[in-house]
């Protein structure tokens, strides 16, 4: 019994000894570990936290904390930088930013967490522009699609009114019209089309179109004339076979107005139609009988008219005013031309066979050549 008691006491003492030794070893190890750990500050996208670590480098710290970084992320200091107590590590994660700037698309990687900072990072200045989200909106790790419409000077010509120029920060023609409070429907004509991208100094024209229907009762229908040809009637003769009569109809028109002016009309319905009756006219085509040949008539003797000219006075003196005289003395006609003088100044035939007017024409040429009436020294004196 004494031996059993002794052994029991020995086992209890041994267990206590083992426990004490174990606790001492754990405490020693823990103390050693604590002595070899550093307290650092780790900032992820601006959110900081203190971390106790035995890592040797920045890369080791990130690995221990489960922070994965890629080629678009920014880590400061560098990944291979040693760390010790008090080290500050900052990680800014890259984010894809897809921008549609007035219809031009581009893709950027930024570490900014809000729109304004991101635009500054890529050097995009868009003062006065309209953005698809607020400038302070947060950009998540998955990125953002951002639409930007810059201010543009646009001239609006609406419904025929005087053009007005305004500044608008929109992307399309349709958005510009909406901002200007201009409502259009499917009948209106918009140039450029509403879906077209808007550029600076564009001109937007809106033609307001209105299409209406109009009913007209008993509208008259004019008649025409139909002509037939009859070879039993002489040419120039015609005969009305039937008088014409107007028709009538009830008709519906579709009227098209542009900016208030009527520009088109077409028939879209006809009722109670009474056809017009055309006039019928018969026209003769028969050639008339030929007229009988006239009896031959002997030519009348030439008549020489007289007048009150200088030449008539000279003729009265030379030949008694007889333009057809031939006395056989070698001088002919009313002005008593010699044949040589007559022919020299363009006369044809014999003077006395020509008209008074022909003789005067030759006499005018003689007077012009001699400077007066000297060829008729007696009868031409004084003229």
Protein backbone atom coordinates (compact mmCIF):
# COMPACT_ATOMS: atom_id res chain seq x y z
CA UNK A 1 0.00 0.00 0.00
CA UNK A 2 2.84 2.35 0.81
CA UNK A 3 4.51 1.54 -2.52
CA UNK A 4 1.27 2.21 -4.47
CA UNK A 5 0.90 5.54 -2.76
CA UNK A 6 4.48 6.42 -3.57
CA UNK A 7 4.05 5.57 -7.25
CA UNK A 8 0.84 7.56 -7.47
CA UNK A 9 2.53 10.60 -5.98
CA UNK A 10 5.43 10.16 -8.43
CA UNK A 11 3.16 10.10 -11.52
CA UNK A 12 1.34 13.22 -10.45
CA UNK A 13 4.63 15.00 -9.90
CA UNK A 14 5.87 13.89 -13.31
CA UNK A 15 2.75 15.18 -15.08
CA UNK A 16 3.08 18.49 -13.36
CA UNK A 17 6.70 18.69 -14.36
CA UNK A 18 5.90 17.94 -18.03
CA UNK A 19 3.18 20.60 -18.10
CA UNK A 20 5.48 23.17 -16.59
CA UNK A 21 8.22 22.44 -19.08
CA UNK A 22 5.76 22.64 -22.01
CA UNK A 23 4.41 25.98 -20.86
CA UNK A 24 7.90 27.30 -20.52
CA UNK A 25 8.81 26.22 -24.05
CA UNK A 26 5.61 27.77 -25.51
CA UNK A 27 6.22 30.98 -23.65
CA UNK A 28 9.81 31.06 -24.85
CA UNK A 29 8.74 30.44 -28.51
CA UNK A 30 6.00 33.03 -28.29
CA UNK A 31 8.40 35.51 -26.86
CA UNK A 32 10.85 34.77 -29.63
CA UNK A 33 8.16 35.19 -32.28
CA UNK A 34 7.00 38.44 -30.77
CA UNK A 35 10.51 39.70 -30.75
CA UNK A 36 10.83 38.96 -34.53
CA UNK A 37 7.46 40.48 -35.72
CA UNK A 38 6.95 43.99 -37.12
CA UNK A 39 3.88 46.20 -36.98
CA UNK A 40 3.26 47.83 -40.34
CA UNK A 41 0.45 49.93 -41.89
CA UNK A 42 -1.19 48.45 -45.00
CA UNK A 43 -3.39 50.79 -47.12
CA UNK A 44 -5.63 49.31 -49.80
CA UNK A 45 -7.18 51.98 -52.08
CA UNK A 46 -6.83 54.48 -49.24
CA UNK A 47 -8.27 52.28 -46.48
CA UNK A 48 -5.48 51.69 -43.92
CA UNK A 49 -5.06 49.00 -41.22
CA UNK A 50 -2.19 47.94 -38.94
CA UNK A 51 -0.76 44.50 -39.57
CA UNK A 52 1.67 42.48 -37.37
CA UNK A 53 3.91 40.38 -39.56
CA UNK A 54 7.17 38.52 -39.67
CA UNK A 55 7.40 38.98 -43.46
CA UNK A 56 10.70 40.20 -44.80
CA UNK A 57 9.57 42.16 -47.90
CA UNK A 58 6.55 44.05 -49.18
CA UNK A 59 5.73 41.14 -51.49
CA UNK A 60 5.78 38.76 -48.48
CA UNK A 61 3.39 41.00 -46.55
CA UNK A 62 0.92 41.14 -49.43
CA UNK A 63 1.11 37.38 -49.87
CA UNK A 64 0.48 36.80 -46.13
CA UNK A 65 -2.51 39.16 -46.27
CA UNK A 66 -3.91 37.54 -49.42
CA UNK A 67 -3.56 40.69 -51.51
CA UNK A 68 -3.06 39.90 -55.20
CA UNK A 69 -1.67 42.64 -57.43
CA UNK A 70 -1.51 42.82 -61.21
CA UNK A 71 0.32 44.84 -63.86
CA UNK A 72 -2.17 47.72 -63.67
CA UNK A 73 -1.92 48.01 -59.85
CA UNK A 74 0.46 50.40 -58.09
CA UNK A 75 2.39 49.31 -54.96
CA UNK A 76 4.59 51.61 -52.89
CA UNK A 77 7.24 50.92 -51.88
CA UNK A 78 8.38 48.35 -54.47
CA UNK A 79 7.55 44.70 -53.90
CA UNK A 80 11.17 43.71 -53.10
CA UNK A 81 11.58 46.45 -50.48
CA UNK A 82 12.42 45.07 -46.97
CA UNK A 83 9.93 45.85 -44.23
CA UNK A 84 10.43 46.58 -40.55
CA UNK A 85 8.45 47.98 -37.72
CA UNK A 86 6.55 51.11 -38.80
CA UNK A 87 6.73 50.48 -42.55
CA UNK A 88 3.75 51.91 -44.55
CA UNK A 89 2.63 49.96 -47.62
CA UNK A 90 0.10 51.50 -50.04
CA UNK A 91 -1.67 49.54 -52.77
CA UNK A 92 -3.81 51.21 -55.40
CA UNK A 93 -5.68 48.82 -57.64
CA UNK A 94 -6.02 49.49 -61.36
CA UNK A 95 -9.51 49.87 -62.81
CA UNK A 96 -10.60 49.84 -66.46
CA UNK A 97 -12.26 53.10 -67.46
CA UNK A 98 -14.06 53.00 -70.81
CA UNK A 99 -14.82 56.50 -72.10
CA UNK A 100 -17.18 57.54 -74.88
CA UNK A 101 -16.21 61.16 -75.59
CA UNK A 102 -18.60 62.70 -78.10
CA UNK A 103 -18.83 59.34 -79.85
CA UNK A 104 -15.09 58.59 -79.77
CA UNK A 105 -14.41 55.53 -77.62
CA UNK A 106 -11.21 54.85 -75.63
CA UNK A 107 -10.07 52.55 -72.80
CA UNK A 108 -7.81 53.56 -69.89
CA UNK A 109 -6.48 52.00 -66.70
CA UNK A 110 -6.66 54.22 -63.63
CA UNK A 111 -6.02 53.78 -59.92
CA UNK A 112 -8.38 56.58 -58.94
CA UNK A 113 -11.51 55.59 -57.07
CA UNK A 114 -13.69 58.47 -58.25
CA UNK A 115 -14.50 60.00 -61.65
CA UNK A 116 -12.89 63.42 -61.13
CA UNK A 117 -9.56 61.97 -60.01
CA UNK A 118 -9.63 59.42 -62.81
CA UNK A 119 -10.12 62.13 -65.45
CA UNK A 120 -7.21 64.06 -63.95
CA UNK A 121 -5.04 60.93 -64.12
CA UNK A 122 -5.59 60.52 -67.86
CA UNK A 123 -5.27 64.26 -68.50
CA UNK A 124 -8.81 64.76 -69.77
CA UNK A 125 -10.18 68.26 -69.15
CA UNK A 126 -13.93 68.41 -69.73
CA UNK A 127 -15.09 71.60 -68.07
CA UNK A 128 -18.76 72.27 -68.78
CA UNK A 129 -19.29 68.79 -70.21
CA UNK A 130 -22.25 66.55 -69.43
CA UNK A 131 -21.28 63.19 -67.86
CA UNK A 132 -23.35 60.03 -67.68
CA UNK A 133 -22.67 59.89 -63.93
CA UNK A 134 -21.68 62.39 -61.26
CA UNK A 135 -18.08 63.56 -61.13
CA UNK A 136 -17.78 62.25 -57.57
CA UNK A 137 -19.11 58.80 -58.41
CA UNK A 138 -17.07 55.87 -57.10
CA UNK A 139 -15.25 53.63 -59.55
CA UNK A 140 -15.30 50.00 -58.39
CA UNK A 141 -12.55 47.44 -58.97
CA UNK A 142 -14.54 46.14 -61.95
CA UNK A 143 -14.27 49.54 -63.64
CA UNK A 144 -16.73 51.95 -65.25
CA UNK A 145 -18.18 52.97 -68.59
CA UNK A 146 -18.35 56.76 -68.79
CA UNK A 147 -20.09 58.85 -71.45
CA UNK A 148 -18.98 62.47 -71.84
CA UNK A 149 -20.65 65.10 -74.01
CA UNK A 150 -18.64 68.31 -74.39
CA UNK A 151 -20.28 71.72 -75.02
CA UNK A 152 -20.89 72.45 -78.72
CA UNK A 153 -22.03 75.57 -80.53
CA UNK A 154 -25.01 74.50 -82.64
CA UNK A 155 -27.36 76.49 -84.86
CA UNK A 156 -31.03 75.47 -84.76
CA UNK A 157 -33.46 76.28 -87.59
CA UNK A 158 -36.85 75.14 -86.34
CA UNK A 159 -40.06 75.14 -88.39
CA UNK A 160 -38.95 77.91 -90.72
CA UNK A 161 -38.16 80.34 -87.88
CA UNK A 162 -35.03 82.50 -87.81
CA UNK A 163 -31.99 80.32 -86.94
CA UNK A 164 -30.79 80.48 -83.31
CA UNK A 165 -27.31 79.47 -82.10
CA UNK A 166 -26.94 77.84 -78.66
CA UNK A 167 -24.36 75.89 -76.67
CA UNK A 168 -25.38 72.33 -75.78
CA UNK A 169 -23.48 69.56 -74.02
CA UNK A 170 -25.00 66.46 -75.62
CA UNK A 171 -23.88 63.73 -77.98
CA UNK A 172 -26.63 63.38 -80.59
CA UNK A 173 -28.92 65.60 -82.63
CA UNK A 174 -31.96 64.13 -80.88
CA UNK A 175 -30.54 64.96 -77.45
CA UNK A 176 -29.82 68.51 -78.59
CA UNK A 177 -33.41 68.99 -79.73
CA UNK A 178 -34.70 67.55 -76.48
CA UNK A 179 -32.52 69.95 -74.48
CA UNK A 180 -33.87 72.85 -76.57
CA UNK A 181 -37.43 71.72 -75.84
CA UNK A 182 -38.15 70.90 -79.48
CA UNK A 183 -40.57 68.01 -79.90
CA UNK A 184 -40.61 66.11 -83.18
CA UNK A 185 -42.79 63.27 -84.42
CA UNK A 186 -42.28 60.62 -87.08
CA UNK A 187 -43.62 62.89 -89.84
CA UNK A 188 -41.18 65.72 -89.15
CA UNK A 189 -37.97 66.04 -91.15
CA UNK A 190 -34.82 66.39 -89.04
CA UNK A 191 -31.42 67.02 -90.64
CA UNK A 192 -29.04 65.56 -89.61
CA UNK A 193 -31.04 62.58 -88.36
CA UNK A 194 -31.76 62.50 -84.58
CA UNK A 195 -29.42 59.54 -84.02
CA UNK A 196 -26.47 61.24 -85.71
CA UNK A 197 -23.51 62.37 -83.59
CA UNK A 198 -23.48 66.10 -82.95
CA UNK A 199 -20.34 68.07 -83.80
CA UNK A 200 -19.31 71.59 -82.95
CA UNK A 201 -20.79 74.23 -85.31
CA UNK A 202 -23.37 71.83 -86.70
CA UNK A 203 -26.64 73.20 -88.08
CA UNK A 204 -29.79 71.30 -87.13
CA UNK A 205 -32.87 71.88 -89.26
CA UNK A 206 -36.36 70.73 -88.32
CA UNK A 207 -39.16 70.87 -90.86
CA UNK A 208 -42.50 70.44 -89.12
CA UNK A 209 -44.74 68.23 -91.24
CA UNK A 210 -48.49 68.00 -90.84
CA UNK A 211 -50.58 65.54 -92.84
CA UNK A 212 -54.37 65.94 -92.83
CA UNK A 213 -57.34 64.66 -94.82
CA UNK A 214 -59.95 66.86 -96.46
CA UNK A 215 -63.32 65.78 -97.91
CA UNK A 216 -64.75 67.64 -100.92
CA UNK A 217 -68.35 66.95 -102.03
CA UNK A 218 -69.59 67.30 -105.61
CA UNK A 219 -66.22 68.28 -107.00
CA UNK A 220 -66.66 69.01 -110.73
CA UNK A 221 -64.69 66.99 -113.25
CA UNK A 222 -63.89 68.86 -116.45
CA UNK A 223 -64.49 67.30 -119.84
CA UNK A 224 -62.25 67.43 -122.90
CA UNK A 225 -62.81 67.51 -126.66
CA UNK A 226 -62.40 64.47 -128.85
CA UNK A 227 -61.75 65.13 -132.55
CA UNK A 228 -62.48 62.79 -135.44
CA UNK A 229 -61.61 63.39 -139.09
CA UNK A 230 -64.07 63.08 -141.96
CA UNK A 231 -62.88 62.87 -145.56
CA UNK A 232 -66.39 63.67 -146.83
CA UNK A 233 -66.18 67.19 -145.41
CA UNK A 234 -64.03 69.87 -146.97
CA UNK A 235 -60.91 71.10 -145.20
CA UNK A 236 -61.61 73.97 -142.79
CA UNK A 237 -65.09 72.72 -142.01
CA UNK A 238 -65.99 71.19 -138.63
CA UNK A 239 -69.13 70.01 -136.93
CA UNK A 240 -69.96 69.42 -133.25
CA UNK A 241 -71.45 65.97 -133.01
CA UNK A 242 -71.99 65.97 -129.21
CA UNK A 243 -71.82 68.69 -126.58
CA UNK A 244 -69.64 67.99 -123.54
CA UNK A 245 -70.84 67.76 -119.95
CA UNK A 246 -68.84 68.00 -116.71
CA UNK A 247 -68.80 65.09 -114.28
CA UNK A 248 -68.70 65.16 -110.48
CA UNK A 249 -67.37 63.19 -107.53
CA UNK A 250 -67.04 63.16 -103.75
CA UNK A 251 -63.30 62.99 -103.09
CA UNK A 252 -60.97 62.76 -100.09
CA UNK A 253 -57.58 64.46 -100.36
CA UNK A 254 -54.51 63.94 -98.24
CA UNK A 255 -52.85 67.32 -97.73
CA UNK A 256 -49.20 67.73 -96.69
CA UNK A 257 -48.05 70.91 -94.98
CA UNK A 258 -44.40 71.76 -94.28
CA UNK A 259 -43.81 74.56 -91.78
CA UNK A 260 -47.43 75.58 -92.31
CA UNK A 261 -47.29 75.75 -96.12
CA UNK A 262 -49.20 73.36 -98.38
CA UNK A 263 -46.62 71.44 -100.43
CA UNK A 264 -48.50 68.36 -101.62
CA UNK A 265 -51.94 66.94 -102.29
CA UNK A 266 -53.06 63.50 -103.39
CA UNK A 267 -56.36 61.68 -103.72
CA UNK A 268 -56.86 58.88 -101.23
CA UNK A 269 -60.56 58.17 -101.80
CA UNK A 270 -63.34 58.73 -104.36
CA UNK A 271 -67.10 58.16 -103.94
CA UNK A 272 -70.27 58.82 -105.98
CA UNK A 273 -68.34 59.20 -109.19
CA UNK A 274 -70.21 60.55 -112.24
CA UNK A 275 -68.00 60.47 -115.32
CA UNK A 276 -67.73 63.53 -117.57
CA UNK A 277 -68.98 63.41 -121.18
CA UNK A 278 -66.47 64.69 -123.73
CA UNK A 279 -67.36 66.98 -126.63
CA UNK A 280 -67.19 65.22 -130.01
CA UNK A 281 -66.06 67.31 -132.99
CA UNK A 282 -65.84 66.18 -136.62
CA UNK A 283 -63.23 67.93 -138.81
CA UNK A 284 -63.19 67.78 -142.61
CA UNK A 285 -60.10 66.60 -144.50
CA UNK A 286 -61.42 66.66 -148.13
CA UNK A 287 -59.42 68.92 -150.41
CA UNK A 288 -61.49 71.64 -152.15
CA UNK A 289 -62.01 71.65 -155.92
CA UNK A 290 -59.24 73.59 -157.73
CA UNK A 291 -60.06 77.15 -158.80
CA UNK A 292 -60.34 77.71 -162.60
CA UNK A 293 -57.28 79.15 -164.32
CA UNK A 294 -57.67 82.96 -164.82
CA UNK A 295 -57.83 84.40 -168.36
CA UNK A 296 -54.48 85.84 -169.53
CA UNK A 297 -54.30 89.60 -169.20
CA UNK A 298 -52.17 91.81 -171.41
CA UNK A 299 -49.66 93.75 -169.39
CA UNK A 300 -50.61 97.34 -168.96
CA UNK A 301 -48.42 100.07 -170.37
CA UNK A 302 -45.98 101.41 -167.80
CA UNK A 303 -47.32 104.25 -165.73
CA UNK A 304 -44.87 106.82 -164.60
CA UNK A 305 -45.94 108.68 -161.54
CA UNK A 306 -45.07 112.28 -160.95
CA UNK A 307 -44.37 114.26 -157.86
CA UNK A 308 -43.21 117.60 -156.56
CA UNK A 309 -39.46 116.98 -156.27
CA UNK A 310 -36.57 118.93 -157.86
CA UNK A 311 -36.28 116.11 -160.38
CA UNK A 312 -39.93 116.51 -161.33
CA UNK A 313 -39.31 120.24 -161.93
CA UNK A 314 -36.22 119.52 -164.08
CA UNK A 315 -38.13 116.84 -166.02
CA UNK A 316 -40.93 119.33 -166.64
CA UNK A 317 -38.36 121.70 -168.07
CA UNK A 318 -36.45 119.06 -170.09
CA UNK A 319 -39.29 116.94 -171.49
CA UNK A 320 -42.52 118.49 -170.41
CA UNK A 321 -42.66 115.96 -167.57
CA UNK A 322 -42.85 112.98 -169.96
CA UNK A 323 -40.69 110.26 -168.41
CA UNK A 324 -41.20 107.97 -171.43
CA UNK A 325 -40.25 110.40 -174.16
CA UNK A 326 -37.91 109.46 -177.02
CA UNK A 327 -37.67 112.26 -179.59
CA UNK A 328 -34.89 110.63 -181.59
CA UNK A 329 -32.40 113.37 -180.83
CA UNK A 330 -30.11 111.06 -178.80
CA UNK A 331 -31.54 112.01 -175.40
CA UNK A 332 -34.05 109.86 -173.57
CA UNK A 333 -36.57 109.97 -170.77
CA UNK A 334 -37.90 112.65 -168.53
CA UNK A 335 -34.42 113.95 -167.63
CA UNK A 336 -33.05 113.62 -171.19
CA UNK A 337 -30.13 111.28 -170.45
CA UNK A 338 -27.59 110.50 -173.13
CA UNK A 339 -27.20 106.74 -173.41
CA UNK A 340 -23.51 106.94 -172.42
CA UNK A 341 -24.26 108.93 -169.25
CA UNK A 342 -27.16 106.60 -168.40
CA UNK A 343 -25.01 103.50 -168.67
CA UNK A 344 -21.99 105.09 -166.93
CA UNK A 345 -24.04 105.68 -163.79
CA UNK A 346 -25.65 102.24 -163.60
CA UNK A 347 -28.71 102.57 -165.79
CA UNK A 348 -29.92 99.53 -167.70
CA UNK A 349 -31.66 99.40 -171.05
CA UNK A 350 -32.87 102.77 -172.32
CA UNK A 351 -33.84 105.54 -169.92
CA UNK A 352 -37.24 106.13 -171.43
CA UNK A 353 -38.25 102.50 -170.86
CA UNK A 354 -37.54 102.70 -167.13
CA UNK A 355 -39.72 104.07 -164.36
CA UNK A 356 -39.61 107.59 -163.03
CA UNK A 357 -38.04 106.27 -159.86
CA UNK A 358 -35.28 104.39 -161.74
CA UNK A 359 -34.46 107.53 -163.76
CA UNK A 360 -34.32 109.67 -160.61
CA UNK A 361 -32.00 107.10 -158.95
CA UNK A 362 -29.48 107.40 -161.80
CA UNK A 363 -29.86 111.20 -161.77
CA UNK A 364 -29.04 111.26 -158.04
CA UNK A 365 -25.76 109.43 -158.74
CA UNK A 366 -24.91 111.91 -161.53
CA UNK A 367 -25.63 114.89 -159.25
CA UNK A 368 -23.57 113.40 -156.44
CA UNK A 369 -20.61 112.85 -158.78
CA UNK A 370 -20.73 116.38 -160.20
CA UNK A 371 -21.62 118.17 -157.01
CA UNK A 372 -24.99 119.48 -158.13
CA UNK A 373 -27.29 119.77 -161.09
CA UNK A 374 -24.65 120.98 -163.57
CA UNK A 375 -25.44 118.10 -165.98
CA UNK A 376 -28.69 119.97 -166.64
CA UNK A 377 -27.20 123.48 -167.14
CA UNK A 378 -30.40 125.15 -168.31
CA UNK A 379 -33.16 123.35 -166.43
CA UNK A 380 -31.06 122.61 -163.31
CA UNK A 381 -29.97 126.19 -162.77
CA UNK A 382 -31.11 127.59 -159.48
CA UNK A 383 -31.37 124.27 -157.68
